[in-house]
């Protein structure tokens, strides 16, 4: 069976609706790499073009609203997907257009509420925050805020596990089915809080000391989307995505990309030695 073949012979497919990262570590590029690494055929709808590298976001340009909608419709009318995710949605107008197409196509949606780039650049306009809370989160099967994003969405400080639980409860009240408050910005073990509206679950991993964490949020949410597209129950998809992103961070220092916050290793699961001798049928 092909790596991209599902249990019933169908190819798992997923859609990312996000901004393009010219440096390749986050956004659309990170999402498509993650989909491919996890055996899912990736499709995309680009919401913004950014000129960025591992050091900074130099410039950003929003894609016209009609083009964003047209990309989503083109994918869905022909290819279809088992799950979709959002990343950078910088304005209220973009959020509204995406939400309308999500409702129209009844997409199973993972929302990564991208607000600030790794280098500190604002990627979500202040006036778009309430639109995100009221329009997109109610459509989400999963929402994956980090601690600063959780503080904005919940309207309260989030500095420890107890506060993460309270923030998860407040964000869940906005409408998503599952909330994952990520603990990457805290200290100690990397603890994420998963809340389904009734029970809390702690997802733990060893904290890795590395500066190469560009695109971790994109990659984690893309992994959740990929596992949902492959047919896993949503909570199990989150657990598997946590294992995947933990491995990608652990292997991040094997890459030597740029001079700032480098990317994680999206392909750490591939057990192939590309530097070794060629196979007999390749040695020509």
C-alpha atoms as a PDB file:
ATOM      1  CA  UNK A   1       0.000   0.000   0.000  1.00  0.00           C
ATOM      2  CA  UNK A   2       1.331   3.453  -0.910  1.00  0.00           C
ATOM      3  CA  UNK A   3       2.437   5.795   1.882  1.00  0.00           C
ATOM      4  CA  UNK A   4      -0.335   8.122   0.744  1.00  0.00           C
ATOM      5  CA  UNK A   5      -3.017   5.453   0.449  1.00  0.00           C
ATOM      6  CA  UNK A   6      -5.720   5.260   3.083  1.00  0.00           C
ATOM      7  CA  UNK A   7      -7.324   2.169   4.535  1.00  0.00           C
ATOM      8  CA  UNK A   8      -9.946   2.131   1.772  1.00  0.00           C
ATOM      9  CA  UNK A   9      -7.542   2.857  -1.067  1.00  0.00           C
ATOM     10  CA  UNK A  10      -8.205   6.608  -1.088  1.00  0.00           C
ATOM     11  CA  UNK A  11      -5.412   9.161  -0.960  1.00  0.00           C
ATOM     12  CA  UNK A  12      -5.657  11.289   2.210  1.00  0.00           C
ATOM     13  CA  UNK A  13      -5.872  14.989   1.311  1.00  0.00           C
ATOM     14  CA  UNK A  14      -5.620  18.166   3.372  1.00  0.00           C
ATOM     15  CA  UNK A  15      -5.874  21.899   2.724  1.00  0.00           C
ATOM     16  CA  UNK A  16      -3.845  24.699   4.279  1.00  0.00           C
ATOM     17  CA  UNK A  17      -5.235  28.239   4.171  1.00  0.00           C
ATOM     18  CA  UNK A  18      -2.327  30.414   5.252  1.00  0.00           C
ATOM     19  CA  UNK A  19       0.432  32.818   4.324  1.00  0.00           C
ATOM     20  CA  UNK A  20       3.483  31.985   2.242  1.00  0.00           C
ATOM     21  CA  UNK A  21       6.890  32.029   3.976  1.00  0.00           C
ATOM     22  CA  UNK A  22       9.647  32.704   1.449  1.00  0.00           C
ATOM     23  CA  UNK A  23      12.156  31.240   3.922  1.00  0.00           C
ATOM     24  CA  UNK A  24      10.366  27.894   3.850  1.00  0.00           C
ATOM     25  CA  UNK A  25      10.206  27.332   7.608  1.00  0.00           C
ATOM     26  CA  UNK A  26       6.633  28.314   8.439  1.00  0.00           C
ATOM     27  CA  UNK A  27       3.299  29.037   6.773  1.00  0.00           C
ATOM     28  CA  UNK A  28       2.195  27.275   3.613  1.00  0.00           C
ATOM     29  CA  UNK A  29       5.637  25.781   3.061  1.00  0.00           C
ATOM     30  CA  UNK A  30       5.840  24.207   6.523  1.00  0.00           C
ATOM     31  CA  UNK A  31       2.288  22.901   6.225  1.00  0.00           C
ATOM     32  CA  UNK A  32       2.893  21.216   2.870  1.00  0.00           C
ATOM     33  CA  UNK A  33       6.138  19.664   4.124  1.00  0.00           C
ATOM     34  CA  UNK A  34       4.302  18.313   7.164  1.00  0.00           C
ATOM     35  CA  UNK A  35       1.468  16.906   5.079  1.00  0.00           C
ATOM     36  CA  UNK A  36       3.973  15.151   2.807  1.00  0.00           C
ATOM     37  CA  UNK A  37       6.009  13.808   5.731  1.00  0.00           C
ATOM     38  CA  UNK A  38       2.858  12.288   7.214  1.00  0.00           C
ATOM     39  CA  UNK A  39       1.614  10.704   4.017  1.00  0.00           C
ATOM     40  CA  UNK A  40      -1.036  13.235   3.054  1.00  0.00           C
ATOM     41  CA  UNK A  41      -1.488  14.985  -0.298  1.00  0.00           C
ATOM     42  CA  UNK A  42      -1.386  18.702   0.455  1.00  0.00           C
ATOM     43  CA  UNK A  43      -3.331  21.498  -1.235  1.00  0.00           C
ATOM     44  CA  UNK A  44      -3.211  25.209  -0.458  1.00  0.00           C
ATOM     45  CA  UNK A  45      -4.959  28.560  -0.515  1.00  0.00           C
ATOM     46  CA  UNK A  46      -2.486  31.406   0.005  1.00  0.00           C
ATOM     47  CA  UNK A  47      -3.799  34.352   2.037  1.00  0.00           C
ATOM     48  CA  UNK A  48      -0.669  36.509   2.037  1.00  0.00           C
ATOM     49  CA  UNK A  49       2.804  36.682   0.535  1.00  0.00           C
ATOM     50  CA  UNK A  50       5.622  37.415   2.941  1.00  0.00           C
ATOM     51  CA  UNK A  51       9.249  38.295   2.290  1.00  0.00           C
ATOM     52  CA  UNK A  52      10.997  36.668   5.221  1.00  0.00           C
ATOM     53  CA  UNK A  53      13.920  34.549   6.303  1.00  0.00           C
ATOM     54  CA  UNK A  54      15.149  33.145   9.621  1.00  0.00           C
ATOM     55  CA  UNK A  55      15.929  36.678  10.856  1.00  0.00           C
ATOM     56  CA  UNK A  56      12.788  38.695  10.179  1.00  0.00           C
ATOM     57  CA  UNK A  57       9.629  39.310   8.189  1.00  0.00           C
ATOM     58  CA  UNK A  58      10.616  42.110   5.811  1.00  0.00           C
ATOM     59  CA  UNK A  59       7.324  42.675   4.036  1.00  0.00           C
ATOM     60  CA  UNK A  60       3.841  41.205   3.661  1.00  0.00           C
ATOM     61  CA  UNK A  61       1.173  41.534   0.978  1.00  0.00           C
ATOM     62  CA  UNK A  62      -2.420  40.362   1.418  1.00  0.00           C
ATOM     63  CA  UNK A  63      -3.911  38.304  -1.408  1.00  0.00           C
ATOM     64  CA  UNK A  64      -7.186  39.795  -2.774  1.00  0.00           C
ATOM     65  CA  UNK A  65     -10.273  38.352  -1.106  1.00  0.00           C
ATOM     66  CA  UNK A  66     -11.767  36.958  -4.295  1.00  0.00           C
ATOM     67  CA  UNK A  67      -8.546  35.094  -5.029  1.00  0.00           C
ATOM     68  CA  UNK A  68      -8.497  33.501  -1.578  1.00  0.00           C
ATOM     69  CA  UNK A  69     -12.062  32.257  -2.058  1.00  0.00           C
ATOM     70  CA  UNK A  70     -11.288  31.091  -5.600  1.00  0.00           C
ATOM     71  CA  UNK A  71      -8.345  28.981  -4.423  1.00  0.00           C
ATOM     72  CA  UNK A  72     -10.451  27.221  -1.784  1.00  0.00           C
ATOM     73  CA  UNK A  73     -13.278  26.615  -4.253  1.00  0.00           C
ATOM     74  CA  UNK A  74     -10.917  25.301  -6.934  1.00  0.00           C
ATOM     75  CA  UNK A  75      -9.474  22.732  -4.536  1.00  0.00           C
ATOM     76  CA  UNK A  76     -12.831  21.633  -3.178  1.00  0.00           C
ATOM     77  CA  UNK A  77     -14.668  21.438  -6.501  1.00  0.00           C
ATOM     78  CA  UNK A  78     -12.178  18.974  -7.933  1.00  0.00           C
ATOM     79  CA  UNK A  79      -9.918  17.423  -5.294  1.00  0.00           C
ATOM     80  CA  UNK A  80     -11.710  17.668  -1.961  1.00  0.00           C
ATOM     81  CA  UNK A  81     -10.031  17.236   1.420  1.00  0.00           C
ATOM     82  CA  UNK A  82     -10.534  15.306   4.620  1.00  0.00           C
ATOM     83  CA  UNK A  83      -9.479  18.253   6.783  1.00  0.00           C
ATOM     84  CA  UNK A  84      -8.260  21.835   6.510  1.00  0.00           C
ATOM     85  CA  UNK A  85      -6.271  24.253   8.632  1.00  0.00           C
ATOM     86  CA  UNK A  86      -5.808  27.987   8.828  1.00  0.00           C
ATOM     87  CA  UNK A  87      -2.661  29.927   9.576  1.00  0.00           C
ATOM     88  CA  UNK A  88      -1.998  33.601   8.861  1.00  0.00           C
ATOM     89  CA  UNK A  89      -5.315  35.405   8.344  1.00  0.00           C
ATOM     90  CA  UNK A  90      -4.259  38.993   8.836  1.00  0.00           C
ATOM     91  CA  UNK A  91      -7.461  41.026   8.479  1.00  0.00           C
ATOM     92  CA  UNK A  92     -11.143  40.808   9.505  1.00  0.00           C
ATOM     93  CA  UNK A  93     -12.101  40.685   5.846  1.00  0.00           C
ATOM     94  CA  UNK A  94      -9.859  37.679   5.140  1.00  0.00           C
ATOM     95  CA  UNK A  95     -11.175  35.869   8.218  1.00  0.00           C
ATOM     96  CA  UNK A  96     -14.755  36.484   7.127  1.00  0.00           C
ATOM     97  CA  UNK A  97     -14.138  35.205   3.592  1.00  0.00           C
ATOM     98  CA  UNK A  98     -12.382  32.074   4.871  1.00  0.00           C
ATOM     99  CA  UNK A  99     -15.120  31.422   7.434  1.00  0.00           C
ATOM    100  CA  UNK A 100     -17.777  31.693   4.738  1.00  0.00           C
ATOM    101  CA  UNK A 101     -16.015  29.158   2.515  1.00  0.00           C
ATOM    102  CA  UNK A 102     -15.419  26.844   5.502  1.00  0.00           C
ATOM    103  CA  UNK A 103     -19.152  26.900   6.225  1.00  0.00           C
ATOM    104  CA  UNK A 104     -20.012  26.409   2.565  1.00  0.00           C
ATOM    105  CA  UNK A 105     -17.779  23.360   2.157  1.00  0.00           C
ATOM    106  CA  UNK A 106     -18.396  22.064   5.703  1.00  0.00           C
ATOM    107  CA  UNK A 107     -14.686  21.675   6.295  1.00  0.00           C
ATOM    108  CA  UNK A 108     -13.270  19.926   9.346  1.00  0.00           C
ATOM    109  CA  UNK A 109     -11.096  22.785  10.511  1.00  0.00           C
ATOM    110  CA  UNK A 110      -7.962  23.203  12.614  1.00  0.00           C
ATOM    111  CA  UNK A 111      -7.299  26.840  13.539  1.00  0.00           C
ATOM    112  CA  UNK A 112      -3.786  28.000  14.339  1.00  0.00           C
ATOM    113  CA  UNK A 113      -4.505  31.569  15.541  1.00  0.00           C
ATOM    114  CA  UNK A 114      -1.303  33.087  14.170  1.00  0.00           C
ATOM    115  CA  UNK A 115      -0.758  36.533  15.685  1.00  0.00           C
ATOM    116  CA  UNK A 116       2.989  37.243  15.891  1.00  0.00           C
ATOM    117  CA  UNK A 117       5.960  35.946  13.889  1.00  0.00           C
ATOM    118  CA  UNK A 118       8.951  34.341  15.620  1.00  0.00           C
ATOM    119  CA  UNK A 119      10.881  37.575  15.166  1.00  0.00           C
ATOM    120  CA  UNK A 120       8.127  39.639  16.819  1.00  0.00           C
ATOM    121  CA  UNK A 121       6.385  41.001  13.726  1.00  0.00           C
ATOM    122  CA  UNK A 122       2.600  41.423  13.995  1.00  0.00           C
ATOM    123  CA  UNK A 123       0.780  39.071  11.598  1.00  0.00           C
ATOM    124  CA  UNK A 124      -2.785  39.645  12.822  1.00  0.00           C
ATOM    125  CA  UNK A 125      -4.266  43.133  12.852  1.00  0.00           C
ATOM    126  CA  UNK A 126      -5.652  44.270  16.201  1.00  0.00           C
ATOM    127  CA  UNK A 127      -9.033  44.912  14.614  1.00  0.00           C
ATOM    128  CA  UNK A 128      -9.138  41.275  13.424  1.00  0.00           C
ATOM    129  CA  UNK A 129      -8.933  39.679  16.872  1.00  0.00           C
ATOM    130  CA  UNK A 130     -12.641  39.922  17.660  1.00  0.00           C
ATOM    131  CA  UNK A 131     -13.517  38.594  14.187  1.00  0.00           C
ATOM    132  CA  UNK A 132     -11.267  35.610  14.817  1.00  0.00           C
ATOM    133  CA  UNK A 133     -12.927  34.969  18.180  1.00  0.00           C
ATOM    134  CA  UNK A 134     -16.517  35.367  17.016  1.00  0.00           C
ATOM    135  CA  UNK A 135     -16.432  34.157  13.400  1.00  0.00           C
ATOM    136  CA  UNK A 136     -13.760  31.495  12.958  1.00  0.00           C
ATOM    137  CA  UNK A 137     -13.327  29.797  16.340  1.00  0.00           C
ATOM    138  CA  UNK A 138     -16.957  28.562  16.434  1.00  0.00           C
ATOM    139  CA  UNK A 139     -16.204  26.643  13.202  1.00  0.00           C
ATOM    140  CA  UNK A 140     -13.057  24.970  14.530  1.00  0.00           C
ATOM    141  CA  UNK A 141     -12.743  21.316  15.401  1.00  0.00           C
ATOM    142  CA  UNK A 142      -9.412  22.182  17.037  1.00  0.00           C
ATOM    143  CA  UNK A 143      -7.768  25.499  17.954  1.00  0.00           C
ATOM    144  CA  UNK A 144      -4.080  25.580  18.931  1.00  0.00           C
ATOM    145  CA  UNK A 145      -3.031  28.857  20.643  1.00  0.00           C
ATOM    146  CA  UNK A 146       0.367  29.299  22.248  1.00  0.00           C
ATOM    147  CA  UNK A 147       0.533  31.139  25.580  1.00  0.00           C
ATOM    148  CA  UNK A 148       0.561  34.724  24.191  1.00  0.00           C
ATOM    149  CA  UNK A 149      -2.273  33.855  21.787  1.00  0.00           C
ATOM    150  CA  UNK A 150      -4.235  32.175  24.580  1.00  0.00           C
ATOM    151  CA  UNK A 151      -3.898  35.329  26.669  1.00  0.00           C
ATOM    152  CA  UNK A 152      -5.405  37.403  23.868  1.00  0.00           C
ATOM    153  CA  UNK A 153      -8.216  34.960  23.102  1.00  0.00           C
ATOM    154  CA  UNK A 154      -9.097  34.311  26.758  1.00  0.00           C
ATOM    155  CA  UNK A 155      -8.522  37.885  27.917  1.00  0.00           C
ATOM    156  CA  UNK A 156      -6.395  36.907  30.922  1.00  0.00           C
ATOM    157  CA  UNK A 157      -2.750  36.237  31.851  1.00  0.00           C
ATOM    158  CA  UNK A 158      -1.525  32.694  31.133  1.00  0.00           C
ATOM    159  CA  UNK A 159       1.738  31.817  32.842  1.00  0.00           C
ATOM    160  CA  UNK A 160       1.357  28.346  34.383  1.00  0.00           C
ATOM    161  CA  UNK A 161      -0.555  25.100  33.934  1.00  0.00           C
ATOM    162  CA  UNK A 162      -3.444  26.212  36.156  1.00  0.00           C
ATOM    163  CA  UNK A 163      -3.854  29.380  34.074  1.00  0.00           C
ATOM    164  CA  UNK A 164      -3.571  27.331  30.871  1.00  0.00           C
ATOM    165  CA  UNK A 165      -6.521  25.230  32.031  1.00  0.00           C
ATOM    166  CA  UNK A 166      -8.626  28.304  32.753  1.00  0.00           C
ATOM    167  CA  UNK A 167      -7.693  29.822  29.397  1.00  0.00           C
ATOM    168  CA  UNK A 168      -8.614  26.576  27.628  1.00  0.00           C
ATOM    169  CA  UNK A 169     -11.999  26.657  29.324  1.00  0.00           C
ATOM    170  CA  UNK A 170     -12.589  30.288  28.294  1.00  0.00           C
ATOM    171  CA  UNK A 171     -11.529  29.643  24.687  1.00  0.00           C
ATOM    172  CA  UNK A 172     -13.679  26.520  24.493  1.00  0.00           C
ATOM    173  CA  UNK A 173     -16.667  28.678  25.412  1.00  0.00           C
ATOM    174  CA  UNK A 174     -16.108  30.551  22.132  1.00  0.00           C
ATOM    175  CA  UNK A 175     -17.167  27.455  20.197  1.00  0.00           C
ATOM    176  CA  UNK A 176     -14.314  25.144  19.124  1.00  0.00           C
ATOM    177  CA  UNK A 177     -14.711  21.441  19.841  1.00  0.00           C
ATOM    178  CA  UNK A 178     -11.182  20.956  21.213  1.00  0.00           C
ATOM    179  CA  UNK A 179      -8.696  23.480  22.584  1.00  0.00           C
ATOM    180  CA  UNK A 180      -4.964  22.827  22.805  1.00  0.00           C
ATOM    181  CA  UNK A 181      -3.114  25.504  24.787  1.00  0.00           C
ATOM    182  CA  UNK A 182       0.560  25.016  23.953  1.00  0.00           C
ATOM    183  CA  UNK A 183       3.195  25.445  26.634  1.00  0.00           C
ATOM    184  CA  UNK A 184       6.207  26.132  24.439  1.00  0.00           C
ATOM    185  CA  UNK A 185       6.589  29.662  25.819  1.00  0.00           C
ATOM    186  CA  UNK A 186       6.702  28.465  29.448  1.00  0.00           C
ATOM    187  CA  UNK A 187       9.586  26.867  31.350  1.00  0.00           C
ATOM    188  CA  UNK A 188      10.207  23.288  32.432  1.00  0.00           C
ATOM    189  CA  UNK A 189       8.750  20.326  30.494  1.00  0.00           C
ATOM    190  CA  UNK A 190       6.844  21.222  27.323  1.00  0.00           C
ATOM    191  CA  UNK A 191       3.287  20.711  28.585  1.00  0.00           C
ATOM    192  CA  UNK A 192       0.242  21.286  26.360  1.00  0.00           C
ATOM    193  CA  UNK A 193      -3.265  21.352  27.798  1.00  0.00           C
ATOM    194  CA  UNK A 194      -5.989  19.587  25.799  1.00  0.00           C
ATOM    195  CA  UNK A 195      -9.591  20.406  26.746  1.00  0.00           C
ATOM    196  CA  UNK A 196     -12.721  18.925  25.176  1.00  0.00           C
ATOM    197  CA  UNK A 197     -15.262  20.869  27.209  1.00  0.00           C
ATOM    198  CA  UNK A 198     -15.440  18.279  29.977  1.00  0.00           C
ATOM    199  CA  UNK A 199     -12.007  16.836  30.688  1.00  0.00           C
ATOM    200  CA  UNK A 200      -8.449  18.142  30.679  1.00  0.00           C
ATOM    201  CA  UNK A 201      -5.500  16.142  29.404  1.00  0.00           C
ATOM    202  CA  UNK A 202      -1.840  17.052  29.743  1.00  0.00           C
ATOM    203  CA  UNK A 203       0.449  16.254  26.812  1.00  0.00           C
ATOM    204  CA  UNK A 204       4.065  16.289  27.976  1.00  0.00           C
ATOM    205  CA  UNK A 205       7.401  16.216  26.189  1.00  0.00           C
ATOM    206  CA  UNK A 206      10.969  16.955  27.162  1.00  0.00           C
ATOM    207  CA  UNK A 207      11.899  20.582  26.523  1.00  0.00           C
ATOM    208  CA  UNK A 208      14.620  20.897  23.889  1.00  0.00           C
ATOM    209  CA  UNK A 209      17.206  23.670  24.081  1.00  0.00           C
ATOM    210  CA  UNK A 210      17.426  25.015  20.519  1.00  0.00           C
ATOM    211  CA  UNK A 211      16.963  28.305  18.701  1.00  0.00           C
ATOM    212  CA  UNK A 212      15.586  26.440  15.679  1.00  0.00           C
ATOM    213  CA  UNK A 213      11.871  26.656  16.445  1.00  0.00           C
ATOM    214  CA  UNK A 214      10.631  28.662  13.450  1.00  0.00           C
ATOM    215  CA  UNK A 215       7.309  27.268  12.255  1.00  0.00           C
ATOM    216  CA  UNK A 216       6.575  25.029  15.241  1.00  0.00           C
ATOM    217  CA  UNK A 217       2.979  26.245  15.550  1.00  0.00           C
ATOM    218  CA  UNK A 218       2.322  25.825  11.831  1.00  0.00           C
ATOM    219  CA  UNK A 219       3.882  22.380  11.845  1.00  0.00           C
ATOM    220  CA  UNK A 220       1.949  21.167  14.901  1.00  0.00           C
ATOM    221  CA  UNK A 221      -1.417  22.325  13.566  1.00  0.00           C
ATOM    222  CA  UNK A 222      -0.614  20.887  10.127  1.00  0.00           C
ATOM    223  CA  UNK A 223       0.221  17.550  11.742  1.00  0.00           C
ATOM    224  CA  UNK A 224      -3.138  17.513  13.542  1.00  0.00           C
ATOM    225  CA  UNK A 225      -4.824  18.262  10.214  1.00  0.00           C
ATOM    226  CA  UNK A 226      -2.898  15.480   8.479  1.00  0.00           C
ATOM    227  CA  UNK A 227      -3.827  12.864  11.066  1.00  0.00           C
ATOM    228  CA  UNK A 228      -7.493  13.902  10.921  1.00  0.00           C
ATOM    229  CA  UNK A 229      -7.331  13.601   7.128  1.00  0.00           C
ATOM    230  CA  UNK A 230      -5.894  10.111   7.563  1.00  0.00           C
ATOM    231  CA  UNK A 231      -8.941   9.133   9.600  1.00  0.00           C
ATOM    232  CA  UNK A 232      -7.737   9.311  13.193  1.00  0.00           C
ATOM    233  CA  UNK A 233     -10.177  10.508  15.893  1.00  0.00           C
ATOM    234  CA  UNK A 234      -9.503  14.156  16.670  1.00  0.00           C
ATOM    235  CA  UNK A 235      -8.017  13.709  20.136  1.00  0.00           C
ATOM    236  CA  UNK A 236      -5.727  10.917  18.912  1.00  0.00           C
ATOM    237  CA  UNK A 237      -4.715  13.161  16.006  1.00  0.00           C
ATOM    238  CA  UNK A 238      -3.598  15.783  18.545  1.00  0.00           C
ATOM    239  CA  UNK A 239      -1.609  13.205  20.549  1.00  0.00           C
ATOM    240  CA  UNK A 240       0.132  11.917  17.420  1.00  0.00           C
ATOM    241  CA  UNK A 241       0.845  15.473  16.260  1.00  0.00           C
ATOM    242  CA  UNK A 242       2.467  16.215  19.622  1.00  0.00           C
ATOM    243  CA  UNK A 243       4.811  13.262  19.138  1.00  0.00           C
ATOM    244  CA  UNK A 244       5.622  14.396  15.610  1.00  0.00           C
ATOM    245  CA  UNK A 245       6.410  18.031  16.491  1.00  0.00           C
ATOM    246  CA  UNK A 246       8.456  16.918  19.511  1.00  0.00           C
ATOM    247  CA  UNK A 247      10.629  14.786  17.230  1.00  0.00           C
ATOM    248  CA  UNK A 248      10.900  17.609  14.673  1.00  0.00           C
ATOM    249  CA  UNK A 249      12.162  19.990  17.387  1.00  0.00           C
ATOM    250  CA  UNK A 250      14.565  17.394  18.809  1.00  0.00           C
ATOM    251  CA  UNK A 251      16.127  17.002  15.372  1.00  0.00           C
ATOM    252  CA  UNK A 252      16.073  20.719  14.484  1.00  0.00           C
ATOM    253  CA  UNK A 253      19.784  21.242  15.164  1.00  0.00           C
ATOM    254  CA  UNK A 254      20.680  18.669  12.522  1.00  0.00           C
ATOM    255  CA  UNK A 255      19.647  21.342  10.011  1.00  0.00           C
ATOM    256  CA  UNK A 256      21.818  24.365   9.306  1.00  0.00           C
ATOM    257  CA  UNK A 257      19.480  26.899   7.708  1.00  0.00           C
ATOM    258  CA  UNK A 258      19.988  30.664   7.964  1.00  0.00           C
ATOM    259  CA  UNK A 259      21.461  32.771  10.731  1.00  0.00           C
ATOM    260  CA  UNK A 260      18.442  33.315  12.995  1.00  0.00           C
ATOM    261  CA  UNK A 261      15.611  31.110  14.214  1.00  0.00           C
ATOM    262  CA  UNK A 262      15.938  28.133  11.887  1.00  0.00           C
ATOM    263  CA  UNK A 263      13.183  25.649  11.017  1.00  0.00           C
ATOM    264  CA  UNK A 264      12.388  22.337  12.665  1.00  0.00           C
ATOM    265  CA  UNK A 265      13.146  19.104  10.815  1.00  0.00           C
ATOM    266  CA  UNK A 266       9.865  18.266   9.106  1.00  0.00           C
ATOM    267  CA  UNK A 267      11.255  15.052   7.612  1.00  0.00           C
ATOM    268  CA  UNK A 268      12.853  13.550  10.719  1.00  0.00           C
ATOM    269  CA  UNK A 269      10.647  10.456  10.383  1.00  0.00           C
ATOM    270  CA  UNK A 270      12.139   9.486   7.038  1.00  0.00           C
ATOM    271  CA  UNK A 271      14.559   6.643   7.692  1.00  0.00           C
ATOM    272  CA  UNK A 272      16.721   7.139   4.649  1.00  0.00           C
ATOM    273  CA  UNK A 273      20.403   7.991   4.373  1.00  0.00           C
ATOM    274  CA  UNK A 274      20.458  10.370   1.435  1.00  0.00           C
ATOM    275  CA  UNK A 275      24.211  10.798   1.806  1.00  0.00           C
ATOM    276  CA  UNK A 276      24.943   7.078   1.575  1.00  0.00           C
ATOM    277  CA  UNK A 277      25.818   5.028  -1.508  1.00  0.00           C
ATOM    278  CA  UNK A 278      23.281   4.823  -4.294  1.00  0.00           C
ATOM    279  CA  UNK A 279      21.082   1.776  -4.643  1.00  0.00           C
ATOM    280  CA  UNK A 280      22.123  -0.605  -7.452  1.00  0.00           C
ATOM    281  CA  UNK A 281      19.459   0.694  -9.848  1.00  0.00           C
ATOM    282  CA  UNK A 282      20.550   4.299  -9.156  1.00  0.00           C
ATOM    283  CA  UNK A 283      24.300   3.770  -9.724  1.00  0.00           C
ATOM    284  CA  UNK A 284      24.401   4.603 -13.375  1.00  0.00           C
END
